[in-house]
Amino acid sequence: MKKVFVLIAAAIVCMSASAQIQFGGKVGFDLTHFWGEDAPHGIQPNYQVGLMMEYKFSPKFAIAPEVVFAAQGGKATGSVEEEDLPGIPGTTKIDAKGTFHTNYINVPVMLKFYASPKFSIDFGPQVGFNVYSKMTASGKVKSVEAKETIDLKEATKTVDFGLGLGGTYNLTDNAFVQARYTLGLTNVFDAESSHEKNGNVQIAFGMKF
């Protein structure tokens, strides 16, 4: 029996030695947009900041969950022609644009395949929780401009699902750079006629400890 316990202890020590757990943080620059049927495709510069953990359970594979605040959204522009507006007879062209801010707490769980000791290919699901949703709308009729901020929180779905694909390059044992694209799979807004989904190009720098 004593030998059995010794063997179990030895196996646990070997497993602990081969597995590596690191914690860290990351900040990044994002290019966010909407995609989908009739979705506006304007790209909006944004940012992300969060915490991560990496559990390397073999020389080639690791799993890396994250908790990240991501400023997301997109842009839309367009123009319409209206007939006989109040005080403006005839046909009038209205130029309009909207900037959407649909920010999330995102929780991606990435499976990492180490193609080399320093570089990994990362793929995995993500769930996001909407914390802020507004649109800044502006329009111009002739020389008159108007601007308004509209709260879209009640019209935005609370949970967003997506898939991420990218890569991580370890500059040192602690510092890394990361590139990823996350494709949203859930419609952002509740309206049945709305088919906008999130898209996010991410470039991040992080530290592991």
N, C-alpha and C. Protein backbone atom coordinates (compact mmCIF):
# COMPACT_ATOMS: atom_id res chain seq x y z
N MET A 1 0.82 -1.21 0.00
CA MET A 1 0.00 0.00 0.00
C MET A 1 0.86 1.26 0.00
N LYS A 2 1.95 1.22 0.79
CA LYS A 2 2.84 2.37 0.85
C LYS A 2 3.43 2.67 -0.52
N LYS A 3 3.77 1.61 -1.27
CA LYS A 3 4.34 1.81 -2.61
C LYS A 3 3.32 2.45 -3.54
N VAL A 4 2.03 2.08 -3.36
CA VAL A 4 0.97 2.67 -4.20
C VAL A 4 0.90 4.17 -3.97
N PHE A 5 0.94 4.60 -2.69
CA PHE A 5 0.90 6.02 -2.39
C PHE A 5 2.12 6.75 -2.94
N VAL A 6 3.27 6.10 -2.86
CA VAL A 6 4.50 6.70 -3.41
C VAL A 6 4.36 6.91 -4.91
N LEU A 7 3.81 5.90 -5.61
CA LEU A 7 3.62 6.01 -7.06
C LEU A 7 2.63 7.12 -7.41
N ILE A 8 1.54 7.22 -6.64
CA ILE A 8 0.54 8.28 -6.88
C ILE A 8 1.18 9.65 -6.66
N ALA A 9 1.93 9.80 -5.58
CA ALA A 9 2.59 11.07 -5.29
C ALA A 9 3.58 11.44 -6.39
N ALA A 10 4.32 10.42 -6.87
CA ALA A 10 5.28 10.67 -7.94
C ALA A 10 4.58 11.10 -9.21
N ALA A 11 3.41 10.49 -9.51
CA ALA A 11 2.66 10.87 -10.70
C ALA A 11 2.15 12.29 -10.61
N ILE A 12 1.67 12.68 -9.42
CA ILE A 12 1.18 14.05 -9.22
C ILE A 12 2.31 15.05 -9.39
N VAL A 13 3.48 14.74 -8.83
CA VAL A 13 4.63 15.64 -8.96
C VAL A 13 5.01 15.79 -10.43
N CYS A 14 5.01 14.68 -11.18
CA CYS A 14 5.37 14.73 -12.61
C CYS A 14 4.35 15.56 -13.39
N MET A 15 3.07 15.37 -13.09
CA MET A 15 2.03 16.16 -13.77
C MET A 15 2.17 17.63 -13.46
N SER A 16 2.45 17.97 -12.21
CA SER A 16 2.61 19.38 -11.81
C SER A 16 3.82 19.99 -12.49
N ALA A 17 4.87 19.19 -12.64
CA ALA A 17 6.09 19.71 -13.27
C ALA A 17 5.87 19.97 -14.74
N SER A 18 5.07 19.09 -15.41
CA SER A 18 4.85 19.25 -16.84
C SER A 18 3.83 20.33 -17.15
N ALA A 19 2.90 20.59 -16.24
CA ALA A 19 1.88 21.61 -16.46
C ALA A 19 2.38 22.96 -15.95
N GLN A 20 2.01 24.01 -16.66
CA GLN A 20 2.41 25.36 -16.28
C GLN A 20 1.18 26.24 -16.24
N ILE A 21 1.02 26.96 -15.14
CA ILE A 21 -0.08 27.91 -15.01
C ILE A 21 0.49 29.31 -14.84
N GLN A 22 0.02 30.23 -15.69
CA GLN A 22 0.45 31.62 -15.60
C GLN A 22 -0.78 32.52 -15.62
N PHE A 23 -0.71 33.62 -14.87
CA PHE A 23 -1.75 34.63 -14.87
C PHE A 23 -1.17 35.91 -15.46
N GLY A 24 -2.05 36.78 -15.93
CA GLY A 24 -1.53 38.02 -16.51
C GLY A 24 -2.64 38.98 -16.90
N GLY A 25 -2.23 40.01 -17.61
CA GLY A 25 -3.15 41.02 -18.10
C GLY A 25 -2.80 41.43 -19.51
N LYS A 26 -3.73 42.09 -20.19
CA LYS A 26 -3.51 42.51 -21.57
C LYS A 26 -4.27 43.80 -21.86
N VAL A 27 -3.73 44.59 -22.77
CA VAL A 27 -4.40 45.77 -23.29
C VAL A 27 -4.26 45.73 -24.80
N GLY A 28 -5.21 46.34 -25.49
CA GLY A 28 -5.12 46.23 -26.93
C GLY A 28 -5.90 47.27 -27.68
N PHE A 29 -5.62 47.32 -28.96
CA PHE A 29 -6.29 48.20 -29.92
C PHE A 29 -7.19 47.33 -30.79
N ASP A 30 -8.45 47.75 -30.95
CA ASP A 30 -9.42 46.98 -31.72
C ASP A 30 -9.96 47.78 -32.89
N LEU A 31 -10.33 47.07 -33.93
CA LEU A 31 -11.10 47.64 -35.04
C LEU A 31 -12.41 46.86 -35.08
N THR A 32 -13.50 47.50 -34.66
CA THR A 32 -14.77 46.80 -34.52
C THR A 32 -15.74 47.22 -35.63
N HIS A 33 -16.68 46.32 -35.92
CA HIS A 33 -17.66 46.60 -36.97
C HIS A 33 -18.83 45.65 -36.79
N PHE A 34 -19.86 45.85 -37.60
CA PHE A 34 -20.98 44.93 -37.67
C PHE A 34 -20.91 44.18 -39.00
N TRP A 35 -21.41 42.94 -38.99
CA TRP A 35 -21.53 42.20 -40.23
C TRP A 35 -22.88 41.50 -40.24
N GLY A 36 -23.32 41.11 -41.43
CA GLY A 36 -24.60 40.45 -41.56
C GLY A 36 -25.42 41.07 -42.68
N GLU A 37 -26.59 40.52 -42.90
CA GLU A 37 -27.46 40.99 -43.97
C GLU A 37 -27.86 42.44 -43.74
N ASP A 38 -27.59 43.30 -44.71
CA ASP A 38 -27.91 44.74 -44.66
C ASP A 38 -27.24 45.46 -43.50
N ALA A 39 -26.19 44.88 -42.95
CA ALA A 39 -25.51 45.52 -41.82
C ALA A 39 -24.59 46.64 -42.31
N PRO A 40 -24.48 47.74 -41.55
CA PRO A 40 -23.49 48.76 -41.89
C PRO A 40 -22.08 48.23 -41.62
N HIS A 41 -21.16 48.54 -42.50
CA HIS A 41 -19.82 47.95 -42.40
C HIS A 41 -18.75 48.97 -42.03
N GLY A 42 -19.13 50.11 -41.49
CA GLY A 42 -18.14 51.10 -41.08
C GLY A 42 -17.31 50.59 -39.92
N ILE A 43 -15.99 50.76 -40.02
CA ILE A 43 -15.07 50.29 -38.97
C ILE A 43 -14.84 51.39 -37.95
N GLN A 44 -14.82 51.00 -36.68
CA GLN A 44 -14.65 51.95 -35.58
C GLN A 44 -13.44 51.57 -34.73
N PRO A 45 -12.47 52.47 -34.54
CA PRO A 45 -11.35 52.18 -33.63
C PRO A 45 -11.84 52.08 -32.20
N ASN A 46 -11.34 51.08 -31.46
CA ASN A 46 -11.75 50.88 -30.08
C ASN A 46 -10.60 50.29 -29.27
N TYR A 47 -10.89 49.82 -28.07
CA TYR A 47 -9.84 49.30 -27.20
C TYR A 47 -10.37 48.15 -26.36
N GLN A 48 -9.44 47.43 -25.74
CA GLN A 48 -9.79 46.36 -24.81
C GLN A 48 -8.78 46.34 -23.67
N VAL A 49 -9.22 45.83 -22.52
CA VAL A 49 -8.33 45.66 -21.37
C VAL A 49 -8.89 44.52 -20.52
N GLY A 50 -7.99 43.64 -20.04
CA GLY A 50 -8.52 42.52 -19.27
C GLY A 50 -7.46 41.67 -18.61
N LEU A 51 -7.93 40.56 -18.05
CA LEU A 51 -7.08 39.61 -17.34
C LEU A 51 -7.15 38.26 -18.05
N MET A 52 -6.08 37.47 -17.90
CA MET A 52 -6.04 36.16 -18.54
C MET A 52 -5.31 35.16 -17.68
N MET A 53 -5.56 33.88 -17.99
CA MET A 53 -4.83 32.79 -17.36
C MET A 53 -4.47 31.79 -18.46
N GLU A 54 -3.29 31.20 -18.37
CA GLU A 54 -2.91 30.16 -19.33
C GLU A 54 -2.47 28.91 -18.58
N TYR A 55 -3.10 27.80 -18.91
CA TYR A 55 -2.76 26.50 -18.33
C TYR A 55 -2.18 25.65 -19.44
N LYS A 56 -0.88 25.45 -19.42
CA LYS A 56 -0.19 24.66 -20.44
C LYS A 56 -0.07 23.24 -19.93
N PHE A 57 -0.93 22.36 -20.47
CA PHE A 57 -0.98 21.00 -19.95
C PHE A 57 -0.11 20.03 -20.74
N SER A 58 0.55 20.51 -21.79
CA SER A 58 1.54 19.72 -22.51
C SER A 58 2.44 20.68 -23.26
N PRO A 59 3.55 20.22 -23.81
CA PRO A 59 4.43 21.13 -24.55
C PRO A 59 3.74 21.79 -25.75
N LYS A 60 2.70 21.15 -26.29
CA LYS A 60 2.06 21.66 -27.50
C LYS A 60 0.71 22.33 -27.27
N PHE A 61 0.05 22.05 -26.15
CA PHE A 61 -1.31 22.52 -25.98
C PHE A 61 -1.49 23.26 -24.65
N ALA A 62 -2.35 24.29 -24.71
CA ALA A 62 -2.70 25.05 -23.50
C ALA A 62 -4.14 25.53 -23.66
N ILE A 63 -4.74 25.91 -22.54
CA ILE A 63 -6.05 26.53 -22.55
C ILE A 63 -5.94 27.86 -21.84
N ALA A 64 -6.57 28.89 -22.40
CA ALA A 64 -6.37 30.25 -21.88
C ALA A 64 -7.70 30.99 -21.80
N PRO A 65 -8.37 30.95 -20.65
CA PRO A 65 -9.57 31.77 -20.45
C PRO A 65 -9.18 33.22 -20.15
N GLU A 66 -10.06 34.15 -20.54
CA GLU A 66 -9.82 35.57 -20.31
C GLU A 66 -11.11 36.23 -19.82
N VAL A 67 -10.95 37.36 -19.15
CA VAL A 67 -12.07 38.25 -18.83
C VAL A 67 -11.65 39.63 -19.30
N VAL A 68 -12.35 40.15 -20.32
CA VAL A 68 -11.89 41.36 -21.01
C VAL A 68 -13.04 42.35 -21.15
N PHE A 69 -12.78 43.62 -20.82
CA PHE A 69 -13.72 44.69 -21.19
C PHE A 69 -13.35 45.15 -22.59
N ALA A 70 -14.31 45.11 -23.50
CA ALA A 70 -14.07 45.50 -24.88
C ALA A 70 -15.06 46.56 -25.31
N ALA A 71 -14.53 47.72 -25.72
CA ALA A 71 -15.36 48.75 -26.33
C ALA A 71 -15.61 48.34 -27.77
N GLN A 72 -16.86 48.10 -28.13
CA GLN A 72 -17.21 47.59 -29.46
C GLN A 72 -18.24 48.49 -30.12
N GLY A 73 -18.65 48.09 -31.32
CA GLY A 73 -19.64 48.87 -32.05
C GLY A 73 -19.28 48.99 -33.51
N GLY A 74 -19.88 49.96 -34.16
CA GLY A 74 -19.63 50.16 -35.58
C GLY A 74 -20.16 51.52 -36.02
N LYS A 75 -20.06 51.77 -37.31
CA LYS A 75 -20.50 53.04 -37.87
C LYS A 75 -21.41 52.79 -39.07
N ALA A 76 -22.34 53.72 -39.28
CA ALA A 76 -23.22 53.66 -40.44
C ALA A 76 -23.37 55.06 -41.01
N THR A 77 -23.35 55.17 -42.32
CA THR A 77 -23.57 56.45 -43.00
C THR A 77 -24.54 56.22 -44.15
N GLY A 78 -25.22 57.29 -44.53
CA GLY A 78 -26.14 57.18 -45.64
C GLY A 78 -26.83 58.50 -45.89
N SER A 79 -27.64 58.53 -46.92
CA SER A 79 -28.40 59.73 -47.26
C SER A 79 -29.75 59.32 -47.81
N VAL A 80 -30.76 60.14 -47.55
CA VAL A 80 -32.11 59.91 -48.06
C VAL A 80 -32.64 61.23 -48.63
N GLU A 81 -33.62 61.12 -49.47
CA GLU A 81 -34.28 62.30 -50.03
C GLU A 81 -35.73 62.32 -49.58
N GLU A 82 -36.14 63.46 -49.03
CA GLU A 82 -37.50 63.62 -48.53
C GLU A 82 -38.19 64.75 -49.30
N GLU A 83 -39.49 64.56 -49.49
CA GLU A 83 -40.29 65.55 -50.20
C GLU A 83 -41.03 66.46 -49.23
N ASP A 84 -40.96 67.74 -49.49
CA ASP A 84 -41.77 68.74 -48.78
C ASP A 84 -41.68 68.63 -47.26
N LEU A 85 -40.46 68.77 -46.76
CA LEU A 85 -40.29 68.83 -45.31
C LEU A 85 -40.90 70.12 -44.78
N PRO A 86 -41.29 70.13 -43.49
CA PRO A 86 -41.89 71.36 -42.93
C PRO A 86 -40.97 72.56 -43.13
N GLY A 87 -41.47 73.56 -43.82
CA GLY A 87 -40.69 74.77 -44.05
C GLY A 87 -39.69 74.66 -45.18
N ILE A 88 -39.58 73.47 -45.81
CA ILE A 88 -38.62 73.27 -46.90
C ILE A 88 -39.35 72.57 -48.05
N PRO A 89 -39.92 73.34 -48.96
CA PRO A 89 -40.65 72.72 -50.07
C PRO A 89 -39.69 72.05 -51.06
N GLY A 90 -40.24 71.07 -51.81
CA GLY A 90 -39.44 70.39 -52.82
C GLY A 90 -38.70 69.19 -52.23
N THR A 91 -37.72 68.70 -52.98
CA THR A 91 -36.94 67.54 -52.57
C THR A 91 -35.71 67.99 -51.80
N THR A 92 -35.51 67.38 -50.61
CA THR A 92 -34.39 67.74 -49.75
C THR A 92 -33.55 66.50 -49.45
N LYS A 93 -32.24 66.62 -49.62
CA LYS A 93 -31.33 65.52 -49.31
C LYS A 93 -30.88 65.62 -47.85
N ILE A 94 -31.00 64.51 -47.13
CA ILE A 94 -30.59 64.46 -45.73
C ILE A 94 -29.40 63.50 -45.60
N ASP A 95 -28.26 64.01 -45.16
CA ASP A 95 -27.08 63.17 -44.90
C ASP A 95 -27.07 62.79 -43.43
N ALA A 96 -26.93 61.50 -43.16
CA ALA A 96 -26.98 61.02 -41.77
C ALA A 96 -25.88 60.02 -41.51
N LYS A 97 -25.44 59.97 -40.25
CA LYS A 97 -24.47 58.96 -39.84
C LYS A 97 -24.71 58.60 -38.38
N GLY A 98 -24.38 57.37 -38.04
CA GLY A 98 -24.55 56.91 -36.66
C GLY A 98 -23.32 56.16 -36.20
N THR A 99 -22.90 56.41 -34.97
CA THR A 99 -21.79 55.69 -34.34
C THR A 99 -22.35 54.88 -33.18
N PHE A 100 -22.18 53.57 -33.25
CA PHE A 100 -22.74 52.66 -32.24
C PHE A 100 -21.66 52.29 -31.23
N HIS A 101 -22.01 52.36 -29.95
CA HIS A 101 -21.13 51.94 -28.87
C HIS A 101 -21.83 50.80 -28.13
N THR A 102 -21.47 49.56 -28.45
CA THR A 102 -22.08 48.38 -27.81
C THR A 102 -20.97 47.63 -27.08
N ASN A 103 -20.71 48.03 -25.84
CA ASN A 103 -19.55 47.53 -25.10
C ASN A 103 -19.90 46.29 -24.27
N TYR A 104 -18.89 45.41 -24.11
CA TYR A 104 -19.13 44.11 -23.49
C TYR A 104 -18.05 43.74 -22.48
N ILE A 105 -18.44 42.91 -21.52
CA ILE A 105 -17.49 42.10 -20.76
C ILE A 105 -17.43 40.76 -21.47
N ASN A 106 -16.31 40.48 -22.13
CA ASN A 106 -16.16 39.26 -22.91
C ASN A 106 -15.37 38.20 -22.14
N VAL A 107 -15.79 36.95 -22.30
CA VAL A 107 -15.09 35.82 -21.67
C VAL A 107 -14.74 34.80 -22.76
N PRO A 108 -13.61 34.99 -23.45
CA PRO A 108 -13.17 33.97 -24.40
C PRO A 108 -12.42 32.85 -23.69
N VAL A 109 -12.54 31.65 -24.21
CA VAL A 109 -11.79 30.49 -23.72
C VAL A 109 -11.06 29.91 -24.92
N MET A 110 -9.76 30.17 -25.01
CA MET A 110 -8.99 29.83 -26.20
C MET A 110 -8.18 28.56 -25.99
N LEU A 111 -8.29 27.65 -26.95
CA LEU A 111 -7.40 26.49 -27.00
C LEU A 111 -6.18 26.89 -27.83
N LYS A 112 -4.99 26.70 -27.26
CA LYS A 112 -3.76 27.16 -27.89
C LYS A 112 -2.92 25.96 -28.34
N PHE A 113 -2.56 25.97 -29.62
CA PHE A 113 -1.65 24.96 -30.15
C PHE A 113 -0.30 25.63 -30.41
N TYR A 114 0.73 25.17 -29.72
CA TYR A 114 2.06 25.75 -29.86
C TYR A 114 2.76 25.13 -31.07
N ALA A 115 2.75 25.89 -32.19
CA ALA A 115 3.45 25.44 -33.38
C ALA A 115 4.96 25.52 -33.19
N SER A 116 5.41 26.38 -32.28
CA SER A 116 6.81 26.48 -31.89
C SER A 116 6.82 26.89 -30.43
N PRO A 117 7.96 26.85 -29.76
CA PRO A 117 7.98 27.23 -28.34
C PRO A 117 7.50 28.65 -28.07
N LYS A 118 7.59 29.54 -29.07
CA LYS A 118 7.22 30.94 -28.86
C LYS A 118 5.89 31.34 -29.49
N PHE A 119 5.39 30.53 -30.43
CA PHE A 119 4.20 30.94 -31.19
C PHE A 119 3.09 29.91 -31.06
N SER A 120 1.88 30.41 -30.77
CA SER A 120 0.72 29.53 -30.67
C SER A 120 -0.39 30.00 -31.59
N ILE A 121 -1.14 29.04 -32.12
CA ILE A 121 -2.37 29.32 -32.85
C ILE A 121 -3.53 29.15 -31.88
N ASP A 122 -4.40 30.17 -31.79
CA ASP A 122 -5.43 30.22 -30.76
C ASP A 122 -6.82 30.15 -31.40
N PHE A 123 -7.67 29.31 -30.84
CA PHE A 123 -9.04 29.19 -31.34
C PHE A 123 -9.96 28.82 -30.19
N GLY A 124 -11.16 29.44 -30.18
CA GLY A 124 -12.10 29.07 -29.13
C GLY A 124 -13.34 29.93 -29.11
N PRO A 125 -14.32 29.54 -28.29
CA PRO A 125 -15.58 30.28 -28.18
C PRO A 125 -15.45 31.49 -27.25
N GLN A 126 -16.40 32.39 -27.40
CA GLN A 126 -16.46 33.57 -26.53
C GLN A 126 -17.92 33.87 -26.20
N VAL A 127 -18.16 34.24 -24.96
CA VAL A 127 -19.46 34.75 -24.55
C VAL A 127 -19.25 36.17 -24.04
N GLY A 128 -20.12 37.08 -24.46
CA GLY A 128 -20.02 38.47 -24.04
C GLY A 128 -21.30 38.94 -23.37
N PHE A 129 -21.15 39.84 -22.41
CA PHE A 129 -22.28 40.38 -21.66
C PHE A 129 -22.32 41.90 -21.88
N ASN A 130 -23.39 42.37 -22.50
CA ASN A 130 -23.49 43.78 -22.84
C ASN A 130 -23.63 44.64 -21.60
N VAL A 131 -22.82 45.69 -21.50
CA VAL A 131 -22.86 46.58 -20.34
C VAL A 131 -23.20 48.01 -20.73
N TYR A 132 -23.16 48.31 -22.02
CA TYR A 132 -23.37 49.70 -22.45
C TYR A 132 -23.76 49.67 -23.92
N SER A 133 -24.82 50.36 -24.28
CA SER A 133 -25.26 50.36 -25.67
C SER A 133 -25.93 51.69 -25.99
N LYS A 134 -25.23 52.50 -26.78
CA LYS A 134 -25.77 53.79 -27.19
C LYS A 134 -25.38 54.06 -28.64
N MET A 135 -26.10 54.97 -29.26
CA MET A 135 -25.77 55.42 -30.60
C MET A 135 -25.74 56.93 -30.63
N THR A 136 -24.70 57.48 -31.23
CA THR A 136 -24.64 58.92 -31.47
C THR A 136 -25.03 59.14 -32.92
N ALA A 137 -26.19 59.79 -33.12
CA ALA A 137 -26.71 60.02 -34.47
C ALA A 137 -26.56 61.49 -34.82
N SER A 138 -26.14 61.74 -36.04
CA SER A 138 -26.03 63.11 -36.51
C SER A 138 -26.54 63.20 -37.94
N GLY A 139 -27.11 64.34 -38.28
CA GLY A 139 -27.64 64.53 -39.62
C GLY A 139 -27.47 65.97 -40.07
N LYS A 140 -27.53 66.15 -41.38
CA LYS A 140 -27.33 67.48 -41.96
C LYS A 140 -28.37 67.70 -43.05
N VAL A 141 -29.15 68.77 -42.90
CA VAL A 141 -30.11 69.18 -43.90
C VAL A 141 -29.71 70.56 -44.38
N LYS A 142 -29.27 70.62 -45.65
CA LYS A 142 -28.70 71.86 -46.19
C LYS A 142 -27.52 72.25 -45.31
N SER A 143 -27.55 73.39 -44.66
CA SER A 143 -26.42 73.83 -43.82
C SER A 143 -26.68 73.64 -42.33
N VAL A 144 -27.82 73.00 -42.00
CA VAL A 144 -28.21 72.83 -40.60
C VAL A 144 -27.83 71.43 -40.15
N GLU A 145 -27.09 71.34 -39.04
CA GLU A 145 -26.66 70.06 -38.50
C GLU A 145 -27.33 69.80 -37.16
N ALA A 146 -27.60 68.54 -36.88
CA ALA A 146 -28.18 68.13 -35.59
C ALA A 146 -27.47 66.88 -35.11
N LYS A 147 -27.36 66.73 -33.78
CA LYS A 147 -26.67 65.58 -33.20
C LYS A 147 -27.39 65.16 -31.93
N GLU A 148 -27.53 63.84 -31.75
CA GLU A 148 -28.26 63.33 -30.58
C GLU A 148 -27.70 61.97 -30.18
N THR A 149 -27.67 61.71 -28.88
CA THR A 149 -27.26 60.40 -28.36
C THR A 149 -28.49 59.63 -27.92
N ILE A 150 -28.61 58.41 -28.40
CA ILE A 150 -29.79 57.58 -28.17
C ILE A 150 -29.38 56.35 -27.36
N ASP A 151 -30.09 56.08 -26.27
CA ASP A 151 -29.81 54.90 -25.44
C ASP A 151 -30.44 53.67 -26.09
N LEU A 152 -29.61 52.67 -26.40
CA LEU A 152 -30.08 51.44 -27.05
C LEU A 152 -30.02 50.23 -26.12
N LYS A 153 -29.81 50.46 -24.83
CA LYS A 153 -29.63 49.34 -23.89
C LYS A 153 -30.81 48.37 -23.92
N GLU A 154 -32.02 48.89 -23.92
CA GLU A 154 -33.20 48.04 -23.90
C GLU A 154 -33.41 47.31 -25.22
N ALA A 155 -32.80 47.83 -26.29
CA ALA A 155 -32.96 47.22 -27.61
C ALA A 155 -31.81 46.30 -27.97
N THR A 156 -30.83 46.13 -27.06
CA THR A 156 -29.65 45.33 -27.32
C THR A 156 -29.72 44.02 -26.54
N LYS A 157 -29.36 42.91 -27.19
CA LYS A 157 -29.37 41.62 -26.50
C LYS A 157 -28.29 41.60 -25.42
N THR A 158 -28.62 40.99 -24.30
CA THR A 158 -27.72 40.98 -23.15
C THR A 158 -26.50 40.10 -23.38
N VAL A 159 -26.69 38.98 -24.07
CA VAL A 159 -25.61 38.00 -24.24
C VAL A 159 -25.25 37.89 -25.72
N ASP A 160 -23.95 37.82 -25.96
CA ASP A 160 -23.44 37.72 -27.33
C ASP A 160 -22.48 36.54 -27.40
N PHE A 161 -22.64 35.69 -28.41
CA PHE A 161 -21.76 34.54 -28.60
C PHE A 161 -20.90 34.74 -29.85
N GLY A 162 -19.67 34.24 -29.78
CA GLY A 162 -18.79 34.37 -30.93
C GLY A 162 -17.69 33.32 -30.92
N LEU A 163 -16.89 33.34 -31.99
CA LEU A 163 -15.74 32.46 -32.13
C LEU A 163 -14.51 33.30 -32.45
N GLY A 164 -13.41 32.97 -31.80
CA GLY A 164 -12.16 33.71 -32.01
C GLY A 164 -11.10 32.85 -32.66
N LEU A 165 -10.30 33.45 -33.54
CA LEU A 165 -9.18 32.77 -34.19
C LEU A 165 -8.04 33.76 -34.31
N GLY A 166 -6.84 33.34 -33.88
CA GLY A 166 -5.70 34.23 -33.97
C GLY A 166 -4.42 33.54 -33.57
N GLY A 167 -3.46 34.35 -33.13
CA GLY A 167 -2.18 33.81 -32.73
C GLY A 167 -1.53 34.65 -31.66
N THR A 168 -0.64 34.02 -30.89
CA THR A 168 0.10 34.69 -29.83
C THR A 168 1.58 34.42 -30.03
N TYR A 169 2.37 35.49 -29.94
CA TYR A 169 3.83 35.33 -30.02
C TYR A 169 4.43 35.78 -28.69
N ASN A 170 5.16 34.87 -28.03
CA ASN A 170 5.77 35.17 -26.74
C ASN A 170 7.13 35.84 -26.97
N LEU A 171 7.19 37.12 -26.67
CA LEU A 171 8.43 37.87 -26.83
C LEU A 171 9.48 37.40 -25.83
N THR A 172 9.02 37.12 -24.61
CA THR A 172 9.87 36.57 -23.55
C THR A 172 9.03 35.54 -22.81
N ASP A 173 9.52 35.03 -21.70
CA ASP A 173 8.73 34.11 -20.88
C ASP A 173 7.51 34.80 -20.29
N ASN A 174 7.51 36.13 -20.23
CA ASN A 174 6.42 36.87 -19.60
C ASN A 174 5.65 37.79 -20.55
N ALA A 175 6.31 38.36 -21.54
CA ALA A 175 5.66 39.34 -22.42
C ALA A 175 5.20 38.67 -23.72
N PHE A 176 4.04 39.10 -24.23
CA PHE A 176 3.53 38.54 -25.47
C PHE A 176 2.77 39.59 -26.27
N VAL A 177 2.68 39.35 -27.57
CA VAL A 177 1.81 40.12 -28.45
C VAL A 177 0.81 39.15 -29.05
N GLN A 178 -0.36 39.69 -29.40
CA GLN A 178 -1.46 38.81 -29.78
C GLN A 178 -2.29 39.47 -30.88
N ALA A 179 -2.70 38.70 -31.85
CA ALA A 179 -3.63 39.17 -32.88
C ALA A 179 -4.78 38.17 -32.97
N ARG A 180 -6.00 38.69 -33.11
CA ARG A 180 -7.17 37.80 -33.12
C ARG A 180 -8.33 38.46 -33.85
N TYR A 181 -9.11 37.64 -34.51
CA TYR A 181 -10.39 38.12 -35.04
C TYR A 181 -11.51 37.33 -34.37
N THR A 182 -12.49 38.05 -33.83
CA THR A 182 -13.64 37.41 -33.20
C THR A 182 -14.87 37.67 -34.05
N LEU A 183 -15.51 36.60 -34.47
CA LEU A 183 -16.70 36.67 -35.31
C LEU A 183 -17.93 36.44 -34.44
N GLY A 184 -18.79 37.45 -34.34
CA GLY A 184 -20.02 37.31 -33.57
C GLY A 184 -21.01 36.40 -34.28
N LEU A 185 -21.73 35.59 -33.52
CA LEU A 185 -22.71 34.67 -34.07
C LEU A 185 -24.14 35.03 -33.69
N THR A 186 -24.29 36.04 -32.83
CA THR A 186 -25.60 36.44 -32.31
C THR A 186 -25.96 37.82 -32.83
N ASN A 187 -27.21 38.03 -33.21
CA ASN A 187 -27.65 39.37 -33.58
C ASN A 187 -27.49 40.31 -32.38
N VAL A 188 -26.96 41.49 -32.63
CA VAL A 188 -26.68 42.44 -31.55
C VAL A 188 -27.97 43.01 -30.98
N PHE A 189 -28.92 43.34 -31.84
CA PHE A 189 -30.13 44.03 -31.41
C PHE A 189 -31.34 43.09 -31.44
N ASP A 190 -32.37 43.44 -30.67
CA ASP A 190 -33.54 42.57 -30.48
C ASP A 190 -34.49 42.58 -31.67
N ALA A 191 -34.54 43.65 -32.43
CA ALA A 191 -35.52 43.78 -33.51
C ALA A 191 -35.38 42.63 -34.51
N GLU A 192 -36.53 42.05 -34.92
CA GLU A 192 -36.50 40.92 -35.84
C GLU A 192 -35.89 41.30 -37.19
N SER A 193 -36.02 42.56 -37.58
CA SER A 193 -35.50 43.01 -38.87
C SER A 193 -34.02 43.36 -38.80
N SER A 194 -33.42 43.26 -37.61
CA SER A 194 -32.01 43.62 -37.42
C SER A 194 -31.14 42.37 -37.46
N HIS A 195 -30.12 42.37 -38.32
CA HIS A 195 -29.26 41.21 -38.47
C HIS A 195 -27.79 41.55 -38.23
N GLU A 196 -27.53 42.65 -37.53
CA GLU A 196 -26.15 43.04 -37.26
C GLU A 196 -25.52 42.11 -36.23
N LYS A 197 -24.32 41.63 -36.54
CA LYS A 197 -23.53 40.83 -35.61
C LYS A 197 -22.18 41.50 -35.43
N ASN A 198 -21.55 41.25 -34.28
CA ASN A 198 -20.28 41.89 -33.98
C ASN A 198 -19.12 41.26 -34.74
N GLY A 199 -18.17 42.08 -35.13
CA GLY A 199 -16.88 41.64 -35.65
C GLY A 199 -15.80 42.46 -34.98
N ASN A 200 -14.65 41.84 -34.69
CA ASN A 200 -13.63 42.54 -33.91
C ASN A 200 -12.24 42.06 -34.28
N VAL A 201 -11.45 42.95 -34.87
CA VAL A 201 -10.03 42.70 -35.12
C VAL A 201 -9.26 43.22 -33.92
N GLN A 202 -8.46 42.38 -33.27
CA GLN A 202 -7.79 42.75 -32.02
C GLN A 202 -6.27 42.59 -32.15
N ILE A 203 -5.56 43.60 -31.67
CA ILE A 203 -4.11 43.51 -31.53
C ILE A 203 -3.79 43.92 -30.10
N ALA A 204 -3.16 43.02 -29.35
CA ALA A 204 -2.97 43.25 -27.91
C ALA A 204 -1.54 42.97 -27.49
N PHE A 205 -1.17 43.62 -26.40
CA PHE A 205 0.11 43.36 -25.72
C PHE A 205 -0.22 42.95 -24.29
N GLY A 206 0.50 41.95 -23.80
CA GLY A 206 0.22 41.48 -22.45
C GLY A 206 1.44 41.00 -21.71
N MET A 207 1.24 40.79 -20.40
CA MET A 207 2.29 40.27 -19.51
C MET A 207 1.73 39.09 -18.73
N LYS A 208 2.53 38.03 -18.61
CA LYS A 208 2.17 36.85 -17.81
C LYS A 208 3.15 36.76 -16.62
N PHE A 209 2.63 36.26 -15.51
CA PHE A 209 3.42 36.21 -14.28
C PHE A 209 3.41 34.79 -13.70
